Amino acid sequence: MGLTDTQAVVALVAGLAILAGLAGVVVPGLPALPLCWGGVLIWALFGGAGPGRWAVLAAATVVAVGGGVVKYLGPGRSLKRAGVPTSSLLAGAALGLVGFFVIPVVGLVVGFVAGVWGAERLRLGDNRLAWPATVQALKAAGLSMLIEFLAGLVIAVLWVTGLLFA
């Protein structure tokens, strides 16, 4: 059974939203998991009839919410244990955003590292003490991004499976 023109357009829009969501893991300003979930929502609402679509949407909702919660809880706990304050992370995020536009692609990482290190250097007063907190913040940010990407990937796989079988 083939897709109608409308279903094909809806599937294309949904797929592009999911791809944008996966890119949103590393691109500031693109909400990764909401975009992935929104793509599945568009497909479920406008892509045709069938209860399988709603099952895929329900599963995608569970993955998006779960991924969003785990993305913050897991890395946040390790940062609290390491004693890295929120203010240092905010400084890293702000400089990371500036760096993204000043030095395309790598500026995000460079700015984040510089921001966290600078805030920790000011707070602790020593280069040797600032660096371990910076490394811990980098690990937490990487883990958060990995969790978000994997959740988005699971949503994409659910959607493709639904597209093929629902």
C-alpha atoms as a PDB file:
ATOM      1  CA  MET A   1       0.000   0.000   0.000  1.00  0.00           C
ATOM      2  CA  GLY A   2       1.547   3.325  -1.082  1.00  0.00           C
ATOM      3  CA  LEU A   3       1.379   6.720   0.538  1.00  0.00           C
ATOM      4  CA  THR A   4      -0.918   9.435  -0.738  1.00  0.00           C
ATOM      5  CA  ASP A   5       0.630  12.772  -1.651  1.00  0.00           C
ATOM      6  CA  THR A   6      -0.568  14.284   1.620  1.00  0.00           C
ATOM      7  CA  GLN A   7       0.836  11.416   3.660  1.00  0.00           C
ATOM      8  CA  ALA A   8       4.167  11.722   1.857  1.00  0.00           C
ATOM      9  CA  VAL A   9       4.354  15.461   2.584  1.00  0.00           C
ATOM     10  CA  VAL A  10       3.443  14.882   6.229  1.00  0.00           C
ATOM     11  CA  ALA A  11       6.088  12.148   6.496  1.00  0.00           C
ATOM     12  CA  LEU A  12       8.670  14.462   4.923  1.00  0.00           C
ATOM     13  CA  VAL A  13       7.849  17.309   7.314  1.00  0.00           C
ATOM     14  CA  ALA A  14       7.939  14.919  10.281  1.00  0.00           C
ATOM     15  CA  GLY A  15      11.267  13.475   9.161  1.00  0.00           C
ATOM     16  CA  LEU A  16      12.762  16.943   8.741  1.00  0.00           C
ATOM     17  CA  ALA A  17      11.569  17.914  12.228  1.00  0.00           C
ATOM     18  CA  ILE A  18      13.183  14.789  13.670  1.00  0.00           C
ATOM     19  CA  LEU A  19      16.447  15.480  11.817  1.00  0.00           C
ATOM     20  CA  ALA A  20      16.389  19.086  13.043  1.00  0.00           C
ATOM     21  CA  GLY A  21      15.854  17.753  16.555  1.00  0.00           C
ATOM     22  CA  LEU A  22      18.862  15.465  16.285  1.00  0.00           C
ATOM     23  CA  ALA A  23      20.924  18.409  15.033  1.00  0.00           C
ATOM     24  CA  GLY A  24      19.538  20.425  17.946  1.00  0.00           C
ATOM     25  CA  VAL A  25      21.623  18.372  20.332  1.00  0.00           C
ATOM     26  CA  VAL A  26      24.655  20.431  19.266  1.00  0.00           C
ATOM     27  CA  VAL A  27      23.073  23.544  17.728  1.00  0.00           C
ATOM     28  CA  PRO A  28      22.089  26.172  20.311  1.00  0.00           C
ATOM     29  CA  GLY A  29      18.516  27.349  20.021  1.00  0.00           C
ATOM     30  CA  LEU A  30      17.086  24.161  18.521  1.00  0.00           C
ATOM     31  CA  PRO A  31      15.110  22.225  21.149  1.00  0.00           C
ATOM     32  CA  ALA A  32      16.223  18.696  20.331  1.00  0.00           C
ATOM     33  CA  LEU A  33      13.704  16.405  22.006  1.00  0.00           C
ATOM     34  CA  PRO A  34      10.676  18.673  21.507  1.00  0.00           C
ATOM     35  CA  LEU A  35      11.458  18.824  17.774  1.00  0.00           C
ATOM     36  CA  CYS A  36      11.813  15.042  17.535  1.00  0.00           C
ATOM     37  CA  TRP A  37       8.599  14.518  19.472  1.00  0.00           C
ATOM     38  CA  GLY A  38       6.830  17.222  17.452  1.00  0.00           C
ATOM     39  CA  GLY A  39       7.736  15.416  14.235  1.00  0.00           C
ATOM     40  CA  VAL A  40       6.083  12.262  15.512  1.00  0.00           C
ATOM     41  CA  LEU A  41       3.068  14.292  16.692  1.00  0.00           C
ATOM     42  CA  ILE A  42       2.628  15.854  13.222  1.00  0.00           C
ATOM     43  CA  TRP A  43       2.870  12.418  11.623  1.00  0.00           C
ATOM     44  CA  ALA A  44       0.383  10.900  14.084  1.00  0.00           C
ATOM     45  CA  LEU A  45      -2.145  13.723  13.649  1.00  0.00           C
ATOM     46  CA  PHE A  46      -1.974  14.283   9.909  1.00  0.00           C
ATOM     47  CA  GLY A  47      -0.328  11.203   8.409  1.00  0.00           C
ATOM     48  CA  GLY A  48      -3.401   9.038   8.100  1.00  0.00           C
ATOM     49  CA  ALA A  49      -5.518   6.731  10.214  1.00  0.00           C
ATOM     50  CA  GLY A  50      -4.487   3.822  12.349  1.00  0.00           C
ATOM     51  CA  PRO A  51      -4.032   2.981  16.020  1.00  0.00           C
ATOM     52  CA  GLY A  52      -0.351   2.182  15.439  1.00  0.00           C
ATOM     53  CA  ARG A  53       0.357   5.899  15.021  1.00  0.00           C
ATOM     54  CA  TRP A  54      -0.948   6.645  18.492  1.00  0.00           C
ATOM     55  CA  ALA A  55       1.123   3.827  19.992  1.00  0.00           C
ATOM     56  CA  VAL A  56       4.229   5.282  18.329  1.00  0.00           C
ATOM     57  CA  LEU A  57       3.330   8.753  19.629  1.00  0.00           C
ATOM     58  CA  ALA A  58       2.785   7.377  23.146  1.00  0.00           C
ATOM     59  CA  ALA A  59       6.148   5.601  23.075  1.00  0.00           C
ATOM     60  CA  ALA A  60       7.853   8.724  21.694  1.00  0.00           C
ATOM     61  CA  THR A  61       6.274  10.771  24.479  1.00  0.00           C
ATOM     62  CA  VAL A  62       7.629   8.413  27.139  1.00  0.00           C
ATOM     63  CA  VAL A  63      11.110   8.524  25.562  1.00  0.00           C
ATOM     64  CA  ALA A  64      11.080  12.331  25.178  1.00  0.00           C
ATOM     65  CA  VAL A  65       9.960  12.975  28.747  1.00  0.00           C
ATOM     66  CA  GLY A  66      12.253  10.309  30.179  1.00  0.00           C
ATOM     67  CA  GLY A  67      15.210  11.530  28.124  1.00  0.00           C
ATOM     68  CA  GLY A  68      14.559  15.117  29.178  1.00  0.00           C
ATOM     69  CA  VAL A  69      14.486  14.173  32.860  1.00  0.00           C
ATOM     70  CA  VAL A  70      17.533  11.886  32.750  1.00  0.00           C
ATOM     71  CA  LYS A  71      19.470  14.455  30.694  1.00  0.00           C
ATOM     72  CA  TYR A  72      19.377  16.859  33.638  1.00  0.00           C
ATOM     73  CA  LEU A  73      19.331  14.549  36.652  1.00  0.00           C
ATOM     74  CA  GLY A  74      22.285  12.283  35.872  1.00  0.00           C
ATOM     75  CA  PRO A  75      24.892  14.902  34.967  1.00  0.00           C
ATOM     76  CA  GLY A  76      23.526  17.309  37.586  1.00  0.00           C
ATOM     77  CA  ARG A  77      24.182  14.852  40.392  1.00  0.00           C
ATOM     78  CA  SER A  78      27.783  14.312  39.330  1.00  0.00           C
ATOM     79  CA  LEU A  79      28.334  18.087  39.192  1.00  0.00           C
ATOM     80  CA  LYS A  80      26.895  18.546  42.672  1.00  0.00           C
ATOM     81  CA  ARG A  81      29.164  15.782  43.997  1.00  0.00           C
ATOM     82  CA  ALA A  82      32.162  17.467  42.360  1.00  0.00           C
ATOM     83  CA  GLY A  83      31.154  20.823  43.871  1.00  0.00           C
ATOM     84  CA  VAL A  84      30.728  22.673  40.565  1.00  0.00           C
ATOM     85  CA  PRO A  85      28.252  25.520  41.171  1.00  0.00           C
ATOM     86  CA  THR A  86      25.445  26.448  38.802  1.00  0.00           C
ATOM     87  CA  SER A  87      26.980  29.892  38.294  1.00  0.00           C
ATOM     88  CA  SER A  88      30.050  28.323  36.667  1.00  0.00           C
ATOM     89  CA  LEU A  89      27.841  26.301  34.323  1.00  0.00           C
ATOM     90  CA  LEU A  90      25.856  29.406  33.406  1.00  0.00           C
ATOM     91  CA  ALA A  91      29.101  31.241  32.624  1.00  0.00           C
ATOM     92  CA  GLY A  92      30.145  28.305  30.448  1.00  0.00           C
ATOM     93  CA  ALA A  93      26.791  28.252  28.671  1.00  0.00           C
ATOM     94  CA  ALA A  94      26.887  32.001  28.015  1.00  0.00           C
ATOM     95  CA  LEU A  95      30.428  31.964  26.634  1.00  0.00           C
ATOM     96  CA  GLY A  96      29.652  28.778  24.696  1.00  0.00           C
ATOM     97  CA  LEU A  97      26.777  30.540  22.967  1.00  0.00           C
ATOM     98  CA  VAL A  98      28.982  33.532  22.140  1.00  0.00           C
ATOM     99  CA  GLY A  99      31.759  31.215  20.986  1.00  0.00           C
ATOM    100  CA  PHE A 100      29.372  29.349  18.685  1.00  0.00           C
ATOM    101  CA  PHE A 101      28.849  32.524  16.678  1.00  0.00           C
ATOM    102  CA  VAL A 102      32.408  33.874  16.925  1.00  0.00           C
ATOM    103  CA  ILE A 103      34.158  30.600  16.015  1.00  0.00           C
ATOM    104  CA  PRO A 104      31.657  28.460  14.067  1.00  0.00           C
ATOM    105  CA  VAL A 105      31.199  24.876  15.271  1.00  0.00           C
ATOM    106  CA  VAL A 106      34.160  24.551  17.692  1.00  0.00           C
ATOM    107  CA  GLY A 107      33.396  27.866  19.396  1.00  0.00           C
ATOM    108  CA  LEU A 108      30.640  26.246  21.412  1.00  0.00           C
ATOM    109  CA  VAL A 109      33.083  23.907  23.136  1.00  0.00           C
ATOM    110  CA  VAL A 110      35.866  26.498  23.398  1.00  0.00           C
ATOM    111  CA  GLY A 111      33.497  29.063  24.892  1.00  0.00           C
ATOM    112  CA  PHE A 112      32.002  26.565  27.336  1.00  0.00           C
ATOM    113  CA  VAL A 113      35.426  25.482  28.591  1.00  0.00           C
ATOM    114  CA  ALA A 114      36.632  29.072  28.865  1.00  0.00           C
ATOM    115  CA  GLY A 115      33.496  30.154  30.693  1.00  0.00           C
ATOM    116  CA  VAL A 116      33.538  27.345  33.247  1.00  0.00           C
ATOM    117  CA  TRP A 117      37.276  27.624  33.778  1.00  0.00           C
ATOM    118  CA  GLY A 118      37.113  31.411  34.156  1.00  0.00           C
ATOM    119  CA  ALA A 119      34.249  31.254  36.653  1.00  0.00           C
ATOM    120  CA  GLU A 120      35.990  28.519  38.644  1.00  0.00           C
ATOM    121  CA  ARG A 121      39.300  30.422  38.525  1.00  0.00           C
ATOM    122  CA  LEU A 122      37.585  33.496  39.966  1.00  0.00           C
ATOM    123  CA  ARG A 123      35.744  31.440  42.587  1.00  0.00           C
ATOM    124  CA  LEU A 124      38.664  29.283  43.706  1.00  0.00           C
ATOM    125  CA  GLY A 125      41.551  31.654  43.029  1.00  0.00           C
ATOM    126  CA  ASP A 126      43.871  28.995  41.599  1.00  0.00           C
ATOM    127  CA  ASN A 127      44.408  27.555  38.117  1.00  0.00           C
ATOM    128  CA  ARG A 128      45.117  24.065  39.465  1.00  0.00           C
ATOM    129  CA  LEU A 129      41.856  23.997  41.393  1.00  0.00           C
ATOM    130  CA  ALA A 130      39.777  25.399  38.515  1.00  0.00           C
ATOM    131  CA  TRP A 131      40.779  22.757  35.993  1.00  0.00           C
ATOM    132  CA  PRO A 132      39.267  19.627  37.686  1.00  0.00           C
ATOM    133  CA  ALA A 133      35.903  21.386  37.979  1.00  0.00           C
ATOM    134  CA  THR A 134      36.133  22.355  34.302  1.00  0.00           C
ATOM    135  CA  VAL A 135      36.845  18.761  33.290  1.00  0.00           C
ATOM    136  CA  GLN A 136      33.910  17.561  35.413  1.00  0.00           C
ATOM    137  CA  ALA A 137      31.612  20.123  33.762  1.00  0.00           C
ATOM    138  CA  LEU A 138      32.772  18.975  30.305  1.00  0.00           C
ATOM    139  CA  LYS A 139      32.064  15.353  31.174  1.00  0.00           C
ATOM    140  CA  ALA A 140      28.611  16.260  32.468  1.00  0.00           C
ATOM    141  CA  ALA A 141      27.812  18.341  29.379  1.00  0.00           C
ATOM    142  CA  GLY A 142      28.969  15.500  27.131  1.00  0.00           C
ATOM    143  CA  LEU A 143      26.880  12.969  29.036  1.00  0.00           C
ATOM    144  CA  SER A 144      23.845  15.242  28.841  1.00  0.00           C
ATOM    145  CA  MET A 145      24.275  15.627  25.075  1.00  0.00           C
ATOM    146  CA  LEU A 146      24.734  11.877  24.645  1.00  0.00           C
ATOM    147  CA  ILE A 147      21.565  11.128  26.616  1.00  0.00           C
ATOM    148  CA  GLU A 148      19.601  13.676  24.580  1.00  0.00           C
ATOM    149  CA  PHE A 149      20.966  12.354  21.278  1.00  0.00           C
ATOM    150  CA  LEU A 150      20.195   8.743  22.176  1.00  0.00           C
ATOM    151  CA  ALA A 151      16.653   9.655  23.228  1.00  0.00           C
ATOM    152  CA  GLY A 152      16.186  11.525  19.933  1.00  0.00           C
ATOM    153  CA  LEU A 153      17.571   8.549  18.045  1.00  0.00           C
ATOM    154  CA  VAL A 154      15.149   6.192  19.797  1.00  0.00           C
ATOM    155  CA  ILE A 155      12.290   8.528  18.832  1.00  0.00           C
ATOM    156  CA  ALA A 156      13.531   8.498  15.222  1.00  0.00           C
ATOM    157  CA  VAL A 157      13.661   4.696  15.206  1.00  0.00           C
ATOM    158  CA  LEU A 158      10.150   4.515  16.661  1.00  0.00           C
ATOM    159  CA  TRP A 159       8.900   6.866  13.947  1.00  0.00           C
ATOM    160  CA  VAL A 160      10.583   4.940  11.115  1.00  0.00           C
ATOM    161  CA  THR A 161       9.179   1.711  12.508  1.00  0.00           C
ATOM    162  CA  GLY A 162       5.741   3.306  12.683  1.00  0.00           C
ATOM    163  CA  LEU A 163       6.139   4.688   9.173  1.00  0.00           C
ATOM    164  CA  LEU A 164       6.891   1.207   7.866  1.00  0.00           C
ATOM    165  CA  PHE A 165       4.374  -0.789   9.881  1.00  0.00           C
ATOM    166  CA  ALA A 166       1.608   1.482  11.228  1.00  0.00           C
END
